[in-house]
Amino acid sequence: MSKPHVHASHPEVMKRLRRAEGHLRSVMEMIEAGRSCLDVAQQLQAVETAISNAKRTLIHDHLDHCLDHVVGAVPRAERGPIEEFKAITKYL
């Protein structure tokens, strides 16, 4: 059995996922209640945003830790390419 893989960002990721879960629950209730498509679409956008933010936080944290593990700690002045790589991941 492998040991748990925990990063400092995991509580923040869980917070964002719980937010998405709450929004998704609201979407289902709204549909069952016959709310307008506009209202439902707005709430679905909130679900997507919360999940996207959770994913971005997790990926950036993973990059920080895994790259440091593989290439060693990189001085802040030399982190430009790493920061650029992290920035471009928002287009995935």
C-alpha atoms as a PDB file:
ATOM      1  CA  MET A   1       0.000   0.000   0.000  1.00  0.00           C
ATOM      2  CA  SER A   2       1.429   3.378  -0.973  1.00  0.00           C
ATOM      3  CA  LYS A   3       1.658   6.229   1.487  1.00  0.00           C
ATOM      4  CA  PRO A   4      -0.717   9.192   1.148  1.00  0.00           C
ATOM      5  CA  HIS A   5       0.363  11.876  -1.314  1.00  0.00           C
ATOM      6  CA  VAL A   6      -0.488  15.131   0.464  1.00  0.00           C
ATOM      7  CA  HIS A   7       0.508  18.670  -0.495  1.00  0.00           C
ATOM      8  CA  ALA A   8      -0.063  21.957   1.313  1.00  0.00           C
ATOM      9  CA  SER A   9      -2.604  22.963  -1.361  1.00  0.00           C
ATOM     10  CA  HIS A  10      -4.923  20.014  -0.742  1.00  0.00           C
ATOM     11  CA  PRO A  11      -7.072  21.830   1.863  1.00  0.00           C
ATOM     12  CA  GLU A  12      -7.561  24.687  -0.636  1.00  0.00           C
ATOM     13  CA  VAL A  13      -8.424  22.202  -3.396  1.00  0.00           C
ATOM     14  CA  MET A  14     -10.945  20.494  -1.117  1.00  0.00           C
ATOM     15  CA  LYS A  15     -12.499  23.869  -0.257  1.00  0.00           C
ATOM     16  CA  ARG A  16     -12.961  24.622  -3.959  1.00  0.00           C
ATOM     17  CA  LEU A  17     -14.394  21.153  -4.634  1.00  0.00           C
ATOM     18  CA  ARG A  18     -16.876  21.529  -1.774  1.00  0.00           C
ATOM     19  CA  ARG A  19     -17.910  24.854  -3.269  1.00  0.00           C
ATOM     20  CA  ALA A  20     -18.438  23.148  -6.645  1.00  0.00           C
ATOM     21  CA  GLU A  21     -20.407  20.386  -4.941  1.00  0.00           C
ATOM     22  CA  GLY A  22     -22.709  22.965  -3.350  1.00  0.00           C
ATOM     23  CA  HIS A  23     -23.218  24.759  -6.659  1.00  0.00           C
ATOM     24  CA  LEU A  24     -23.953  21.457  -8.407  1.00  0.00           C
ATOM     25  CA  ARG A  25     -26.502  20.532  -5.758  1.00  0.00           C
ATOM     26  CA  SER A  26     -28.133  23.916  -6.358  1.00  0.00           C
ATOM     27  CA  VAL A  27     -28.253  23.280 -10.116  1.00  0.00           C
ATOM     28  CA  MET A  28     -30.089  19.994  -9.605  1.00  0.00           C
ATOM     29  CA  GLU A  29     -32.560  21.646  -7.215  1.00  0.00           C
ATOM     30  CA  MET A  30     -33.088  24.502  -9.668  1.00  0.00           C
ATOM     31  CA  ILE A  31     -33.838  22.097 -12.518  1.00  0.00           C
ATOM     32  CA  GLU A  32     -36.244  20.112 -10.347  1.00  0.00           C
ATOM     33  CA  ALA A  33     -37.963  23.365  -9.345  1.00  0.00           C
ATOM     34  CA  GLY A  34     -38.319  24.459 -12.976  1.00  0.00           C
ATOM     35  CA  ARG A  35     -36.089  27.543 -12.682  1.00  0.00           C
ATOM     36  CA  SER A  36     -35.199  29.488 -15.805  1.00  0.00           C
ATOM     37  CA  CYS A  37     -32.475  28.267 -18.126  1.00  0.00           C
ATOM     38  CA  LEU A  38     -30.574  31.508 -17.541  1.00  0.00           C
ATOM     39  CA  ASP A  39     -30.502  30.927 -13.782  1.00  0.00           C
ATOM     40  CA  VAL A  40     -29.407  27.307 -14.257  1.00  0.00           C
ATOM     41  CA  ALA A  41     -26.712  28.292 -16.769  1.00  0.00           C
ATOM     42  CA  GLN A  42     -25.316  30.898 -14.357  1.00  0.00           C
ATOM     43  CA  GLN A  43     -25.129  28.299 -11.599  1.00  0.00           C
ATOM     44  CA  LEU A  44     -23.480  25.789 -13.954  1.00  0.00           C
ATOM     45  CA  GLN A  45     -20.869  28.421 -14.740  1.00  0.00           C
ATOM     46  CA  ALA A  46     -20.145  28.661 -11.010  1.00  0.00           C
ATOM     47  CA  VAL A  47     -19.654  24.861 -10.922  1.00  0.00           C
ATOM     48  CA  GLU A  48     -17.233  24.987 -13.844  1.00  0.00           C
ATOM     49  CA  THR A  49     -15.289  27.875 -12.346  1.00  0.00           C
ATOM     50  CA  ALA A  50     -14.919  26.184  -8.962  1.00  0.00           C
ATOM     51  CA  ILE A  51     -13.707  22.934 -10.531  1.00  0.00           C
ATOM     52  CA  SER A  52     -11.358  24.758 -12.881  1.00  0.00           C
ATOM     53  CA  ASN A  53      -9.852  26.684  -9.973  1.00  0.00           C
ATOM     54  CA  ALA A  54      -9.404  23.470  -7.977  1.00  0.00           C
ATOM     55  CA  LYS A  55      -7.687  21.819 -10.926  1.00  0.00           C
ATOM     56  CA  ARG A  56      -5.390  24.805 -11.505  1.00  0.00           C
ATOM     57  CA  THR A  57      -4.399  24.920  -7.829  1.00  0.00           C
ATOM     58  CA  LEU A  58      -3.638  21.190  -7.808  1.00  0.00           C
ATOM     59  CA  ILE A  59      -1.611  21.306 -11.040  1.00  0.00           C
ATOM     60  CA  HIS A  60       0.422  24.351  -9.996  1.00  0.00           C
ATOM     61  CA  ASP A  61       1.192  22.789  -6.627  1.00  0.00           C
ATOM     62  CA  HIS A  62       2.195  19.546  -8.334  1.00  0.00           C
ATOM     63  CA  LEU A  63       4.478  21.413 -10.733  1.00  0.00           C
ATOM     64  CA  ASP A  64       6.119  23.302  -7.885  1.00  0.00           C
ATOM     65  CA  HIS A  65       6.825  20.179  -5.865  1.00  0.00           C
ATOM     66  CA  CYS A  66       7.620  17.709  -8.632  1.00  0.00           C
ATOM     67  CA  LEU A  67       9.877  20.052 -10.569  1.00  0.00           C
ATOM     68  CA  ASP A  68      11.738  20.938  -7.399  1.00  0.00           C
ATOM     69  CA  HIS A  69      12.079  17.238  -6.633  1.00  0.00           C
ATOM     70  CA  VAL A  70      13.461  16.443 -10.106  1.00  0.00           C
ATOM     71  CA  VAL A  71      15.651  19.468 -10.856  1.00  0.00           C
ATOM     72  CA  GLY A  72      16.269  20.700  -7.331  1.00  0.00           C
ATOM     73  CA  ALA A  73      15.234  23.993  -5.837  1.00  0.00           C
ATOM     74  CA  VAL A  74      15.452  26.789  -8.397  1.00  0.00           C
ATOM     75  CA  PRO A  75      16.336  30.290  -7.173  1.00  0.00           C
ATOM     76  CA  ARG A  76      13.494  32.787  -7.548  1.00  0.00           C
ATOM     77  CA  ALA A  77      15.490  34.828 -10.082  1.00  0.00           C
ATOM     78  CA  GLU A  78      15.718  31.767 -12.352  1.00  0.00           C
ATOM     79  CA  ARG A  79      12.098  30.587 -12.079  1.00  0.00           C
ATOM     80  CA  GLY A  80      10.915  32.518 -15.175  1.00  0.00           C
ATOM     81  CA  PRO A  81      10.459  29.469 -17.427  1.00  0.00           C
ATOM     82  CA  ILE A  82       8.673  27.565 -14.661  1.00  0.00           C
ATOM     83  CA  GLU A  83       6.313  30.469 -13.986  1.00  0.00           C
ATOM     84  CA  GLU A  84       5.667  30.838 -17.722  1.00  0.00           C
ATOM     85  CA  PHE A  85       4.884  27.134 -17.976  1.00  0.00           C
ATOM     86  CA  LYS A  86       2.444  27.441 -15.071  1.00  0.00           C
ATOM     87  CA  ALA A  87       0.808  30.467 -16.708  1.00  0.00           C
ATOM     88  CA  ILE A  88       0.307  28.676 -20.016  1.00  0.00           C
ATOM     89  CA  THR A  89      -1.435  25.734 -18.306  1.00  0.00           C
ATOM     90  CA  LYS A  90      -4.560  27.879 -17.954  1.00  0.00           C
ATOM     91  CA  TYR A  91      -5.127  27.335 -21.666  1.00  0.00           C
ATOM     92  CA  LEU A  92      -5.338  23.552 -21.307  1.00  0.00           C
END
